[in-house]
C-alpha atoms as a PDB file:
ATOM      1  CA  MET A   1     -17.554   4.158  16.164  1.00  0.00           C
ATOM      2  CA  ALA A   2     -16.411   0.544  17.033  1.00  0.00           C
ATOM      3  CA  SER A   3     -15.020  -0.140  20.404  1.00  0.00           C
ATOM      4  CA  ALA A   4     -11.485  -0.533  19.269  1.00  0.00           C
ATOM      5  CA  GLU A   5     -11.839   2.770  17.970  1.00  0.00           C
ATOM      6  CA  VAL A   6     -12.913   4.390  21.743  1.00  0.00           C
ATOM      7  CA  LEU A   7      -9.952   5.761  24.005  1.00  0.00           C
ATOM      8  CA  PHE A   8     -11.267   5.736  27.544  1.00  0.00           C
ATOM      9  CA  VAL A   9      -9.145   8.244  29.585  1.00  0.00           C
ATOM     10  CA  GLN A  10      -9.228   8.253  33.774  1.00  0.00           C
ATOM     11  CA  GLY A  11      -8.359  12.078  34.888  1.00  0.00           C
ATOM     12  CA  GLY A  12      -7.715  13.668  37.621  1.00  0.00           C
ATOM     13  CA  ARG A  13      -3.917  13.513  38.039  1.00  0.00           C
ATOM     14  CA  LYS A  14      -1.326  16.087  37.448  1.00  0.00           C
ATOM     15  CA  LEU A  15       1.111  15.707  34.945  1.00  0.00           C
ATOM     16  CA  GLU A  16       4.672  16.842  35.236  1.00  0.00           C
ATOM     17  CA  GLY A  17       7.695  15.857  32.966  1.00  0.00           C
ATOM     18  CA  GLU A  18       8.848  16.756  29.576  1.00  0.00           C
ATOM     19  CA  ALA A  19       7.606  15.823  25.749  1.00  0.00           C
ATOM     20  CA  VAL A  20       9.147  15.993  22.944  1.00  0.00           C
ATOM     21  CA  VAL A  21       6.744  17.378  20.282  1.00  0.00           C
ATOM     22  CA  GLN A  22       6.700  15.582  16.466  1.00  0.00           C
ATOM     23  CA  GLY A  23       7.421  16.671  13.483  1.00  0.00           C
ATOM     24  CA  SER A  24       4.674  18.002  11.446  1.00  0.00           C
ATOM     25  CA  LYS A  25       2.249  15.699   9.432  1.00  0.00           C
ATOM     26  CA  ASN A  26       0.866  18.435   7.473  1.00  0.00           C
ATOM     27  CA  ALA A  27       4.387  19.961   6.591  1.00  0.00           C
ATOM     28  CA  ALA A  28       6.161  16.518   5.976  1.00  0.00           C
ATOM     29  CA  LEU A  29       3.658  15.151   3.524  1.00  0.00           C
ATOM     30  CA  PRO A  30       3.614  17.657   0.809  1.00  0.00           C
ATOM     31  CA  MET A  31       7.415  17.697   1.219  1.00  0.00           C
ATOM     32  CA  LEU A  32       7.244  13.570   0.490  1.00  0.00           C
ATOM     33  CA  ALA A  33       5.568  14.448  -2.359  1.00  0.00           C
ATOM     34  CA  ALA A  34       8.022  17.665  -3.626  1.00  0.00           C
ATOM     35  CA  SER A  35      10.803  15.033  -3.548  1.00  0.00           C
ATOM     36  CA  LEU A  36       9.600  13.651  -7.209  1.00  0.00           C
ATOM     37  CA  LEU A  37      10.808  16.856  -8.567  1.00  0.00           C
ATOM     38  CA  ALA A  38      14.321  16.394  -7.947  1.00  0.00           C
ATOM     39  CA  THR A  39      15.970  14.800 -11.106  1.00  0.00           C
ATOM     40  CA  GLU A  40      19.223  15.580  -9.235  1.00  0.00           C
ATOM     41  CA  GLY A  41      20.264  14.426  -5.762  1.00  0.00           C
ATOM     42  CA  LYS A  42      18.652  13.268  -2.770  1.00  0.00           C
ATOM     43  CA  THR A  43      16.118  14.897  -0.728  1.00  0.00           C
ATOM     44  CA  VAL A  44      16.987  14.685   2.859  1.00  0.00           C
ATOM     45  CA  LEU A  45      14.261  14.904   5.326  1.00  0.00           C
ATOM     46  CA  HIS A  46      14.925  14.928   9.590  1.00  0.00           C
ATOM     47  CA  ARG A  47      12.106  15.218  12.055  1.00  0.00           C
ATOM     48  CA  VAL A  48       9.761  12.748   9.581  1.00  0.00           C
ATOM     49  CA  PRO A  49       6.807  11.297  12.265  1.00  0.00           C
ATOM     50  CA  PRO A  50       6.226   7.611  11.657  1.00  0.00           C
ATOM     51  CA  VAL A  51       2.572   8.400  11.414  1.00  0.00           C
ATOM     52  CA  LYS A  52       0.183   6.322   9.741  1.00  0.00           C
ATOM     53  CA  ASP A  53      -0.390   8.775   6.622  1.00  0.00           C
ATOM     54  CA  VAL A  54       3.333   9.560   6.188  1.00  0.00           C
ATOM     55  CA  LEU A  55       4.222   5.693   6.082  1.00  0.00           C
ATOM     56  CA  VAL A  56       1.612   5.260   3.562  1.00  0.00           C
ATOM     57  CA  ALA A  57       2.734   8.016   1.433  1.00  0.00           C
ATOM     58  CA  MET A  58       6.591   6.631   1.642  1.00  0.00           C
ATOM     59  CA  GLU A  59       5.059   3.502   0.241  1.00  0.00           C
ATOM     60  CA  VAL A  60       3.451   5.369  -2.574  1.00  0.00           C
ATOM     61  CA  LEU A  61       6.995   7.067  -3.613  1.00  0.00           C
ATOM     62  CA  ARG A  62       8.062   3.268  -3.228  1.00  0.00           C
ATOM     63  CA  ARG A  63       5.206   2.087  -5.654  1.00  0.00           C
ATOM     64  CA  LEU A  64       6.207   4.937  -8.358  1.00  0.00           C
ATOM     65  CA  GLY A  65      10.268   4.118  -8.340  1.00  0.00           C
ATOM     66  CA  ALA A  66      11.896   5.923  -5.686  1.00  0.00           C
ATOM     67  CA  LYS A  67      14.141   4.559  -3.185  1.00  0.00           C
ATOM     68  CA  ILE A  68      13.538   5.708   0.340  1.00  0.00           C
ATOM     69  CA  ASP A  69      15.663   5.229   3.558  1.00  0.00           C
ATOM     70  CA  TYR A  70      13.988   6.219   6.563  1.00  0.00           C
ATOM     71  CA  ASP A  71      15.420   5.755  10.031  1.00  0.00           C
ATOM     72  CA  LEU A  72      12.379   5.267  12.446  1.00  0.00           C
ATOM     73  CA  ASN A  73      14.193   6.193  15.504  1.00  0.00           C
ATOM     74  CA  GLU A  74      16.160   9.339  14.360  1.00  0.00           C
ATOM     75  CA  GLU A  75      12.715  10.253  12.252  1.00  0.00           C
ATOM     76  CA  ILE A  76      15.454  10.760   9.014  1.00  0.00           C
ATOM     77  CA  ALA A  77      14.193  10.051   5.574  1.00  0.00           C
ATOM     78  CA  VAL A  78      16.667  10.068   2.589  1.00  0.00           C
ATOM     79  CA  ILE A  79      14.643   9.797  -0.684  1.00  0.00           C
ATOM     80  CA  ASP A  80      16.183   9.176  -4.214  1.00  0.00           C
ATOM     81  CA  THR A  81      13.665   9.570  -6.933  1.00  0.00           C
ATOM     82  CA  ARG A  82      15.853  10.470  -9.690  1.00  0.00           C
ATOM     83  CA  ASP A  83      14.981   6.818 -11.081  1.00  0.00           C
ATOM     84  CA  VAL A  84      11.030   7.022 -11.254  1.00  0.00           C
ATOM     85  CA  THR A  85       9.353   6.971 -14.342  1.00  0.00           C
ATOM     86  CA  GLU A  86       5.618   5.716 -13.356  1.00  0.00           C
ATOM     87  CA  THR A  87       2.801   8.122 -13.305  1.00  0.00           C
ATOM     88  CA  ARG A  88       0.036   5.676 -12.218  1.00  0.00           C
ATOM     89  CA  LEU A  89      -0.534   5.990  -8.731  1.00  0.00           C
ATOM     90  CA  PRO A  90      -1.412   3.123  -6.706  1.00  0.00           C
ATOM     91  CA  GLU A  91      -4.853   2.508  -6.601  1.00  0.00           C
ATOM     92  CA  GLU A  92      -5.340   0.083  -4.050  1.00  0.00           C
ATOM     93  CA  LEU A  93      -2.783   3.200  -1.467  1.00  0.00           C
ATOM     94  CA  THR A  94      -4.463   6.296  -2.969  1.00  0.00           C
ATOM     95  CA  SER A  95      -8.427   4.996  -2.558  1.00  0.00           C
ATOM     96  CA  ARG A  96      -7.854   5.322   0.769  1.00  0.00           C
ATOM     97  CA  PHE A  97      -5.264   7.707   1.760  1.00  0.00           C
ATOM     98  CA  ARG A  98      -6.969  11.314   0.529  1.00  0.00           C
ATOM     99  CA  ALA A  99      -3.449  13.531   0.218  1.00  0.00           C
ATOM    100  CA  SER A 100      -2.454  11.312  -1.989  1.00  0.00           C
ATOM    101  CA  LEU A 101      -3.791  14.124  -4.480  1.00  0.00           C
ATOM    102  CA  LEU A 102      -0.337  16.081  -3.214  1.00  0.00           C
ATOM    103  CA  PHE A 103       1.651  13.266  -5.657  1.00  0.00           C
ATOM    104  CA  LEU A 104      -0.252  15.139  -8.767  1.00  0.00           C
ATOM    105  CA  GLY A 105       1.220  17.933  -8.635  1.00  0.00           C
ATOM    106  CA  PRO A 106       4.686  16.899  -8.832  1.00  0.00           C
ATOM    107  CA  LEU A 107       4.166  13.996 -11.585  1.00  0.00           C
ATOM    108  CA  LEU A 108       2.632  16.344 -13.896  1.00  0.00           C
ATOM    109  CA  ALA A 109       5.131  18.930 -13.597  1.00  0.00           C
ATOM    110  CA  ARG A 110       7.891  16.110 -13.974  1.00  0.00           C
ATOM    111  CA  PHE A 111       6.650  13.934 -16.742  1.00  0.00           C
ATOM    112  CA  ARG A 112       3.611  16.036 -17.697  1.00  0.00           C
ATOM    113  CA  ARG A 113       1.101  13.235 -16.841  1.00  0.00           C
ATOM    114  CA  ALA A 114      -0.384  11.594 -14.009  1.00  0.00           C
ATOM    115  CA  TRP A 115      -3.236   8.884 -13.062  1.00  0.00           C
ATOM    116  CA  ILE A 116      -5.076   8.746  -9.763  1.00  0.00           C
ATOM    117  CA  SER A 117      -8.054   6.524  -8.639  1.00  0.00           C
ATOM    118  CA  GLU A 118     -11.247   8.456  -7.538  1.00  0.00           C
ATOM    119  CA  VAL A 119     -10.029   9.537  -4.002  1.00  0.00           C
ATOM    120  CA  GLY A 120     -12.606   8.612  -1.357  1.00  0.00           C
ATOM    121  CA  GLY A 121     -15.269   7.776  -4.390  1.00  0.00           C
ATOM    122  CA  CYS A 122     -15.487  10.960  -5.538  1.00  0.00           C
ATOM    123  CA  THR A 123     -16.106  12.087  -9.239  1.00  0.00           C
ATOM    124  CA  ILE A 124     -15.647  14.648 -11.051  1.00  0.00           C
ATOM    125  CA  GLY A 125     -17.582  17.828 -10.160  1.00  0.00           C
ATOM    126  CA  SER A 126     -18.593  20.058  -7.700  1.00  0.00           C
ATOM    127  CA  ARG A 127     -16.763  18.727  -4.836  1.00  0.00           C
ATOM    128  CA  PRO A 128     -13.945  19.805  -2.180  1.00  0.00           C
ATOM    129  CA  THR A 129     -10.947  18.786  -4.479  1.00  0.00           C
ATOM    130  CA  ASP A 130     -12.144  19.743  -7.848  1.00  0.00           C
ATOM    131  CA  TYR A 131     -10.097  23.425  -7.647  1.00  0.00           C
ATOM    132  CA  HIS A 132      -6.802  20.869  -7.701  1.00  0.00           C
ATOM    133  CA  TYR A 133      -8.225  19.614 -11.383  1.00  0.00           C
ATOM    134  CA  ARG A 134      -9.307  23.565 -12.364  1.00  0.00           C
ATOM    135  CA  GLY A 135      -5.968  24.792 -11.619  1.00  0.00           C
ATOM    136  CA  PHE A 136      -4.268  21.943 -13.664  1.00  0.00           C
ATOM    137  CA  ALA A 137      -6.229  23.109 -16.374  1.00  0.00           C
ATOM    138  CA  ARG A 138      -5.652  26.375 -16.207  1.00  0.00           C
ATOM    139  CA  LEU A 139      -1.821  25.731 -16.718  1.00  0.00           C
ATOM    140  CA  GLY A 140      -2.858  23.920 -19.762  1.00  0.00           C
ATOM    141  CA  ALA A 141      -3.468  20.269 -18.379  1.00  0.00           C
ATOM    142  CA  LYS A 142      -6.253  18.096 -20.166  1.00  0.00           C
ATOM    143  CA  VAL A 143      -8.137  16.495 -16.944  1.00  0.00           C
ATOM    144  CA  GLU A 144     -10.291  13.522 -17.999  1.00  0.00           C
ATOM    145  CA  GLY A 145     -12.267  10.446 -16.113  1.00  0.00           C
ATOM    146  CA  VAL A 146     -11.477   7.276 -17.668  1.00  0.00           C
ATOM    147  CA  ALA A 147     -13.521   4.429 -18.382  1.00  0.00           C
ATOM    148  CA  GLY A 148     -13.385   2.120 -15.287  1.00  0.00           C
ATOM    149  CA  GLY A 149     -12.900   5.156 -12.932  1.00  0.00           C
ATOM    150  CA  GLY A 150     -10.025   7.126 -12.304  1.00  0.00           C
ATOM    151  CA  ILE A 151      -8.694  10.833 -13.789  1.00  0.00           C
ATOM    152  CA  ASP A 152      -6.280  11.117 -15.978  1.00  0.00           C
ATOM    153  CA  VAL A 153      -4.277  14.475 -16.021  1.00  0.00           C
ATOM    154  CA  VAL A 154      -1.964  15.287 -19.368  1.00  0.00           C
ATOM    155  CA  ALA A 155      -0.128  18.158 -20.739  1.00  0.00           C
ATOM    156  CA  GLU A 156       1.871  18.525 -24.018  1.00  0.00           C
ATOM    157  CA  GLU A 157       3.199  21.738 -21.535  1.00  0.00           C
ATOM    158  CA  LEU A 158       2.887  23.438 -18.962  1.00  0.00           C
ATOM    159  CA  ALA A 159       2.537  27.373 -18.874  1.00  0.00           C
ATOM    160  CA  GLY A 160       2.255  30.056 -15.985  1.00  0.00           C
ATOM    161  CA  SER A 161      -1.496  31.307 -15.459  1.00  0.00           C
ATOM    162  CA  PHE A 162      -3.235  32.836 -12.870  1.00  0.00           C
ATOM    163  CA  MET A 163      -5.608  30.835 -10.569  1.00  0.00           C
ATOM    164  CA  TYR A 164      -7.943  31.432  -7.936  1.00  0.00           C
ATOM    165  CA  CYS A 165      -8.727  28.974  -5.182  1.00  0.00           C
ATOM    166  CA  ASP A 166     -12.325  29.009  -3.854  1.00  0.00           C
ATOM    167  CA  LEU A 167     -10.983  27.577  -0.628  1.00  0.00           C
ATOM    168  CA  PRO A 168      -7.738  28.635   0.798  1.00  0.00           C
ATOM    169  CA  SER A 169      -6.843  24.949   1.281  1.00  0.00           C
ATOM    170  CA  HIS A 170      -3.335  24.323   2.366  1.00  0.00           C
ATOM    171  CA  THR A 171      -3.299  20.711  -0.095  1.00  0.00           C
ATOM    172  CA  GLY A 172      -4.855  22.680  -2.954  1.00  0.00           C
ATOM    173  CA  VAL A 173      -1.855  25.151  -2.728  1.00  0.00           C
ATOM    174  CA  GLU A 174       1.113  23.094  -2.182  1.00  0.00           C
ATOM    175  CA  ASN A 175      -0.587  21.375  -5.154  1.00  0.00           C
ATOM    176  CA  LEU A 176      -0.875  24.158  -7.551  1.00  0.00           C
ATOM    177  CA  VAL A 177       2.629  25.027  -6.139  1.00  0.00           C
ATOM    178  CA  MET A 178       4.659  21.711  -7.210  1.00  0.00           C
ATOM    179  CA  ALA A 179       2.590  21.850 -10.812  1.00  0.00           C
ATOM    180  CA  SER A 180       3.812  25.532 -11.265  1.00  0.00           C
ATOM    181  CA  CYS A 181       7.271  25.400 -10.147  1.00  0.00           C
ATOM    182  CA  LEU A 182       8.333  23.513 -13.673  1.00  0.00           C
ATOM    183  CA  ALA A 183       5.959  25.883 -15.553  1.00  0.00           C
ATOM    184  CA  ARG A 184       6.714  28.139 -18.557  1.00  0.00           C
ATOM    185  CA  GLY A 185       6.087  31.459 -17.087  1.00  0.00           C
ATOM    186  CA  GLU A 186       4.844  33.181 -13.829  1.00  0.00           C
ATOM    187  CA  SER A 187       1.940  31.828 -12.510  1.00  0.00           C
ATOM    188  CA  ILE A 188      -0.115  33.103  -9.787  1.00  0.00           C
ATOM    189  CA  ILE A 189      -2.248  31.878  -6.787  1.00  0.00           C
ATOM    190  CA  GLU A 190      -4.665  34.052  -5.447  1.00  0.00           C
ATOM    191  CA  ASN A 191      -7.017  32.998  -1.778  1.00  0.00           C
ATOM    192  CA  ALA A 192      -4.504  30.979  -1.054  1.00  0.00           C
ATOM    193  CA  ALA A 193      -3.891  29.392   2.413  1.00  0.00           C
ATOM    194  CA  SER A 194      -1.304  30.973   4.382  1.00  0.00           C
ATOM    195  CA  ASP A 195      -0.573  27.866   7.120  1.00  0.00           C
ATOM    196  CA  PRO A 196       3.038  27.827   8.322  1.00  0.00           C
ATOM    197  CA  GLU A 197       2.935  24.705   7.193  1.00  0.00           C
ATOM    198  CA  ILE A 198       2.676  26.093   3.743  1.00  0.00           C
ATOM    199  CA  VAL A 199       5.638  28.183   4.424  1.00  0.00           C
ATOM    200  CA  ASP A 200       7.847  25.456   5.519  1.00  0.00           C
ATOM    201  CA  PHE A 201       7.391  23.250   2.282  1.00  0.00           C
ATOM    202  CA  VAL A 202       7.850  26.330   0.095  1.00  0.00           C
ATOM    203  CA  ALA A 203      11.303  26.778   2.281  1.00  0.00           C
ATOM    204  CA  LEU A 204      12.304  23.369   0.795  1.00  0.00           C
ATOM    205  CA  LEU A 205      11.367  24.006  -2.484  1.00  0.00           C
ATOM    206  CA  GLU A 206      13.348  27.408  -2.345  1.00  0.00           C
ATOM    207  CA  LYS A 207      16.364  24.956  -1.506  1.00  0.00           C
ATOM    208  CA  MET A 208      15.563  22.793  -4.027  1.00  0.00           C
ATOM    209  CA  GLY A 209      15.964  25.605  -6.673  1.00  0.00           C
ATOM    210  CA  ALA A 210      12.064  26.627  -6.743  1.00  0.00           C
ATOM    211  CA  LYS A 211      11.804  30.396  -7.208  1.00  0.00           C
ATOM    212  CA  ILE A 212       8.408  31.406  -5.669  1.00  0.00           C
ATOM    213  CA  GLU A 213       7.163  34.586  -3.113  1.00  0.00           C
ATOM    214  CA  GLY A 214       4.599  35.087  -1.251  1.00  0.00           C
ATOM    215  CA  ALA A 215       4.004  31.900   0.823  1.00  0.00           C
ATOM    216  CA  GLY A 216       2.491  32.580   3.936  1.00  0.00           C
ATOM    217  CA  THR A 217      -0.019  35.406   2.630  1.00  0.00           C
ATOM    218  CA  ARG A 218      -2.792  34.981   0.182  1.00  0.00           C
ATOM    219  CA  LYS A 219      -0.931  35.537  -3.199  1.00  0.00           C
ATOM    220  CA  VAL A 220       1.702  33.292  -4.057  1.00  0.00           C
ATOM    221  CA  CYS A 221       3.414  33.752  -7.216  1.00  0.00           C
ATOM    222  CA  ILE A 222       6.019  30.871  -8.882  1.00  0.00           C
ATOM    223  CA  THR A 223       7.989  31.480 -11.633  1.00  0.00           C
ATOM    224  CA  GLY A 224       9.167  28.066 -13.314  1.00  0.00           C
ATOM    225  CA  VAL A 225      12.422  26.623 -13.479  1.00  0.00           C
ATOM    226  CA  GLU A 226      14.056  24.242 -15.888  1.00  0.00           C
ATOM    227  CA  GLY A 227      14.740  21.795 -12.792  1.00  0.00           C
ATOM    228  CA  LEU A 228      14.790  21.344  -9.157  1.00  0.00           C
ATOM    229  CA  VAL A 229      17.584  19.186  -7.503  1.00  0.00           C
ATOM    230  CA  GLY A 230      17.425  17.323  -4.049  1.00  0.00           C
ATOM    231  CA  ALA A 231      18.005  19.289  -0.762  1.00  0.00           C
ATOM    232  CA  GLU A 232      18.128  18.888   2.829  1.00  0.00           C
ATOM    233  CA  HIS A 233      15.163  20.078   5.500  1.00  0.00           C
ATOM    234  CA  THR A 234      14.180  19.608   8.818  1.00  0.00           C
ATOM    235  CA  VAL A 235      10.055  19.631   9.008  1.00  0.00           C
ATOM    236  CA  MET A 236       8.900  22.413  11.468  1.00  0.00           C
ATOM    237  CA  HIS A 237       7.263  20.687  14.491  1.00  0.00           C
ATOM    238  CA  ASP A 238       3.393  20.156  14.704  1.00  0.00           C
ATOM    239  CA  ARG A 239       1.776  23.288  16.233  1.00  0.00           C
ATOM    240  CA  LEU A 240      -1.385  20.681  16.650  1.00  0.00           C
ATOM    241  CA  ASP A 241       0.673  17.884  18.775  1.00  0.00           C
ATOM    242  CA  ALA A 242       2.380  21.435  20.756  1.00  0.00           C
ATOM    243  CA  GLY A 243      -1.586  22.494  21.641  1.00  0.00           C
ATOM    244  CA  LEU A 244      -2.288  19.239  22.684  1.00  0.00           C
ATOM    245  CA  LEU A 245       0.351  18.744  25.363  1.00  0.00           C
ATOM    246  CA  MET A 246      -0.162  22.457  26.632  1.00  0.00           C
ATOM    247  CA  MET A 247      -3.895  21.454  27.185  1.00  0.00           C
ATOM    248  CA  ALA A 248      -3.233  18.290  29.054  1.00  0.00           C
END
């Protein structure tokens, strides 16, 4: 680890006063991705933390064609994705941004196509992100590695299916939920992650018009709808940030 990445903390002093707990990054990231599902209206998110991953996610959205107005002081993001047509995620951003996988689900749902570079240098096969692609395949998508690198996900139609998560990953569940929102029929995700961030994320999707049951449990059921619209939502507080302050 480079010296610039090391923090030296001198303790021994009692801490007093008040601190504001920021919005949850792990809830904000899938919400930003979910804004791609809206073909009408704008998505307005409050308490969006100005952290690196969130700012990169906003830049990914802009590269796809979204219009974003982010008030850094008020931490409010207004996102308009109605004119988005690009389905190829920008390689220079996704190659160093693992959460970029979250954009695959909504792009596939809305446009029936998405392309992403090999995140973190991974290849298709046995790896922690493979269940994303297996879930897409269960919904009817074709997942292929392409010449020169990257992964292409294409579907003529998405149909509800049963999906089992080998690992109860919140990112995996969020991705499959978004991909299922516009699929024909009902989708079931078993062994789903039950993090509170997923519950908050689903609350936004429901405001947008999605039909989802079981968020926060190990079984999530999604009934596909014709389309989703923009909505307004306040991101939950970051429980990790709160825990850190409690221990200080």
